[in-house]
Protein backbone atom coordinates (compact mmCIF):
# COMPACT_ATOMS: atom_id res chain seq x y z
CA MET A 1 0.24 -0.18 -0.09
CA ILE A 2 1.24 3.45 -0.71
CA GLN A 3 0.86 5.97 1.84
CA SER A 4 0.33 9.56 1.43
CA PRO A 5 2.74 12.28 2.89
CA ARG A 6 -0.18 12.77 5.45
CA GLY A 7 -0.13 9.27 6.74
CA GLU A 8 -3.39 8.44 4.99
CA TYR A 9 -4.37 5.52 2.46
CA GLU A 10 -6.96 5.64 -0.10
CA PHE A 11 -9.24 2.67 -0.83
CA VAL A 12 -11.61 1.82 -3.45
CA THR A 13 -14.62 0.01 -1.65
CA PHE A 14 -17.00 -2.61 -3.01
CA ARG A 15 -19.14 -5.48 -1.89
CA VAL A 16 -19.01 -8.97 -2.04
CA GLY A 17 -22.30 -10.75 -0.48
CA MET A 18 -22.85 -8.88 2.83
CA GLN A 19 -18.98 -8.08 2.89
CA TRP A 20 -17.55 -4.62 2.12
CA PHE A 21 -14.00 -4.74 1.06
CA GLY A 22 -11.46 -2.12 0.15
CA VAL A 23 -8.39 -2.05 -2.40
CA PRO A 24 -5.83 0.53 -2.69
CA VAL A 25 -6.50 3.03 -4.95
CA MET A 26 -3.62 2.93 -6.65
CA THR A 27 -4.04 -0.82 -7.82
CA VAL A 28 -7.25 -0.12 -9.51
CA GLN A 29 -6.98 0.16 -13.33
CA GLU A 30 -10.77 1.01 -13.96
CA VAL A 31 -14.42 -0.06 -12.79
CA LEU A 32 -16.68 -1.82 -15.32
CA VAL A 33 -20.19 -2.44 -15.40
CA VAL A 34 -21.43 -5.72 -16.61
CA GLN A 35 -19.04 -7.33 -18.93
CA ARG A 36 -19.48 -10.00 -21.87
CA LEU A 37 -16.92 -12.87 -20.70
CA ALA A 38 -15.61 -15.82 -22.56
CA ARG A 39 -15.54 -18.95 -20.60
CA ILE A 40 -12.35 -21.00 -20.01
CA PRO A 41 -12.72 -24.54 -20.66
CA LEU A 42 -11.14 -26.58 -17.37
CA ALA A 43 -10.46 -23.13 -15.46
CA PRO A 44 -10.65 -23.43 -11.68
CA PRO A 45 -14.39 -22.35 -10.54
CA GLU A 46 -13.27 -19.33 -9.44
CA VAL A 47 -12.22 -18.12 -12.82
CA THR A 48 -15.53 -16.60 -14.28
CA GLY A 49 -13.80 -16.12 -17.47
CA VAL A 50 -11.83 -13.52 -19.54
CA LEU A 51 -12.95 -10.02 -20.63
CA ASN A 52 -11.47 -8.03 -23.72
CA LEU A 53 -10.56 -4.57 -22.31
CA ARG A 54 -9.17 -2.67 -25.28
CA GLY A 55 -7.50 -5.71 -26.91
CA GLN A 56 -6.05 -7.00 -23.75
CA LEU A 57 -7.38 -10.25 -22.46
CA VAL A 58 -7.93 -9.77 -18.59
CA THR A 59 -8.94 -13.05 -16.36
CA ALA A 60 -12.13 -12.45 -14.23
CA ILE A 61 -12.23 -13.85 -10.59
CA ASN A 62 -15.10 -14.42 -9.04
CA LEU A 63 -14.57 -13.07 -5.47
CA HIS A 64 -17.63 -15.11 -4.03
CA LYS A 65 -16.36 -18.29 -4.79
CA LEU A 66 -12.55 -17.70 -4.38
CA LEU A 67 -13.46 -16.02 -0.68
CA GLU A 68 -16.39 -18.71 -0.23
CA ALA A 69 -18.81 -15.63 0.51
CA GLY A 70 -21.89 -17.11 -0.68
CA THR A 71 -23.41 -17.15 -4.01
CA ARG A 72 -23.50 -13.88 -6.50
CA PRO A 73 -26.49 -13.22 -8.15
CA GLU A 74 -26.01 -13.24 -11.84
CA ALA A 75 -27.33 -9.78 -12.42
CA ALA A 76 -25.72 -6.39 -11.94
CA ALA A 77 -22.15 -7.75 -11.45
CA MET A 78 -19.58 -5.42 -11.80
CA ASN A 79 -15.69 -5.66 -12.33
CA VAL A 80 -12.82 -3.95 -10.30
CA VAL A 81 -10.00 -4.31 -12.77
CA VAL A 82 -6.63 -3.97 -10.81
CA ARG A 83 -2.87 -4.22 -11.51
CA ASP A 84 -0.45 -6.92 -10.17
CA GLY A 85 3.00 -6.13 -11.50
CA ASP A 86 2.67 -6.41 -15.45
CA GLU A 87 -0.80 -8.37 -15.03
CA LEU A 88 -4.12 -7.17 -15.05
CA PHE A 89 -7.06 -9.05 -13.43
CA ALA A 90 -10.90 -8.20 -12.68
CA MET A 91 -12.49 -8.94 -9.58
CA VAL A 92 -16.15 -9.76 -10.22
CA VAL A 93 -18.23 -7.98 -7.22
CA ASP A 94 -21.71 -7.30 -6.32
CA GLU A 95 -21.43 -3.38 -6.11
CA VAL A 96 -18.72 -0.61 -6.05
CA GLY A 97 -18.70 1.96 -3.21
CA GLU A 98 -16.76 5.04 -3.22
CA VAL A 99 -12.99 5.91 -2.60
CA ILE A 100 -12.44 6.44 1.28
CA THR A 101 -9.29 8.14 2.84
CA VAL A 102 -8.09 6.71 5.81
CA ALA A 103 -5.46 7.59 8.59
CA ALA A 104 -3.01 4.93 8.58
CA ARG A 105 -3.73 4.74 12.26
CA SER A 106 -7.30 3.60 11.58
CA ILE A 107 -6.11 0.42 10.13
CA GLU A 108 -6.53 -2.50 12.75
CA PRO A 109 -4.88 -5.64 12.64
CA LEU A 110 -7.14 -8.89 11.20
CA PRO A 111 -9.23 -10.14 13.69
CA ALA A 112 -7.78 -13.60 15.10
CA THR A 113 -11.28 -15.31 14.32
CA LEU A 114 -11.17 -14.29 10.77
CA ASP A 115 -11.40 -17.39 8.22
CA THR A 116 -7.79 -18.14 7.19
CA CYS A 117 -8.39 -17.73 3.61
CA TRP A 118 -9.53 -14.29 4.19
CA ARG A 119 -6.76 -13.72 6.50
CA ALA A 120 -4.09 -14.40 3.87
CA ALA A 121 -5.95 -12.13 1.39
CA CYS A 122 -6.59 -9.19 3.71
CA GLU A 123 -3.89 -6.72 5.18
CA GLY A 124 -6.10 -5.26 7.94
CA VAL A 125 -9.51 -4.05 8.64
CA VAL A 126 -11.00 -0.42 8.71
CA ARG A 127 -14.45 0.53 10.65
CA SER A 128 -16.94 2.13 8.49
CA PRO A 129 -20.36 3.13 8.00
CA HIS A 130 -21.16 -0.38 6.49
CA GLY A 131 -19.59 -2.24 9.18
CA LEU A 132 -15.84 -3.72 9.26
CA LEU A 133 -14.14 -3.07 5.88
CA ALA A 134 -11.61 -5.85 5.14
CA VAL A 135 -8.66 -4.20 3.21
CA LEU A 136 -7.56 -6.88 0.57
CA GLU A 137 -4.34 -6.92 -1.27
CA PRO A 138 -4.98 -7.74 -4.63
CA GLY A 139 -1.85 -9.74 -5.50
CA ARG A 140 -2.40 -12.02 -2.59
CA LEU A 141 -5.47 -13.35 -4.56
CA LEU A 142 -3.42 -14.77 -7.37
CA ASP A 143 -0.70 -16.27 -4.93
CA ASP A 144 -0.18 -19.86 -4.79
CA SER A 145 -0.15 -20.33 -1.10
CA LEU A 146 -3.76 -18.72 -0.84
CA ASN A 147 -5.46 -21.63 0.53
CA CYS A 148 -9.23 -21.12 0.11
CA HIS A 149 -9.38 -24.04 -2.34
CA SER A 150 -7.56 -27.06 -3.55
CA THR A 151 -6.37 -25.05 -6.83
CA ALA A 152 -4.85 -21.87 -6.92
CA ILE A 153 -5.44 -19.07 -9.65
CA LYS A 154 -2.93 -17.89 -11.75
CA PRO A 155 -4.12 -16.11 -14.45
CA ARG A 156 -1.23 -16.55 -16.88
CA SER A 157 -1.79 -20.02 -16.90
CA ALA A 158 -5.53 -19.62 -17.33
CA VAL A 159 -5.24 -17.61 -20.61
């Protein structure tokens, strides 16, 4: 996460099921409304497919399935496109909120009772009007050590 000179962080917020998440604003390339996705045969169930973003194929990851956050209604899904190094991927979410600014001291450690999968993908929590906002580190969603399911997601190998 990149901290501002004033000791603050900015996060793009979004909802998956009943849980609100935030990702560092500097990792977000863009937010897209419902996109047509091409399915990938034999891909892990968390990989919804690929979308064409101005000629570049972007792997779409269903956070409901990856983080075991219940089922997602098929209508009105949004995509938060993030960059991890040279790789772009889209997180399929239910709703995108707003960009919030948070003082560094407001980011609290992860609760000990948090699911191990979520602990591996998150950096901390922030109290917000929606309740606790889990701060995701997008690159961790692609990490082989993320143990949410038996298969790890790597967009490079899926496309």
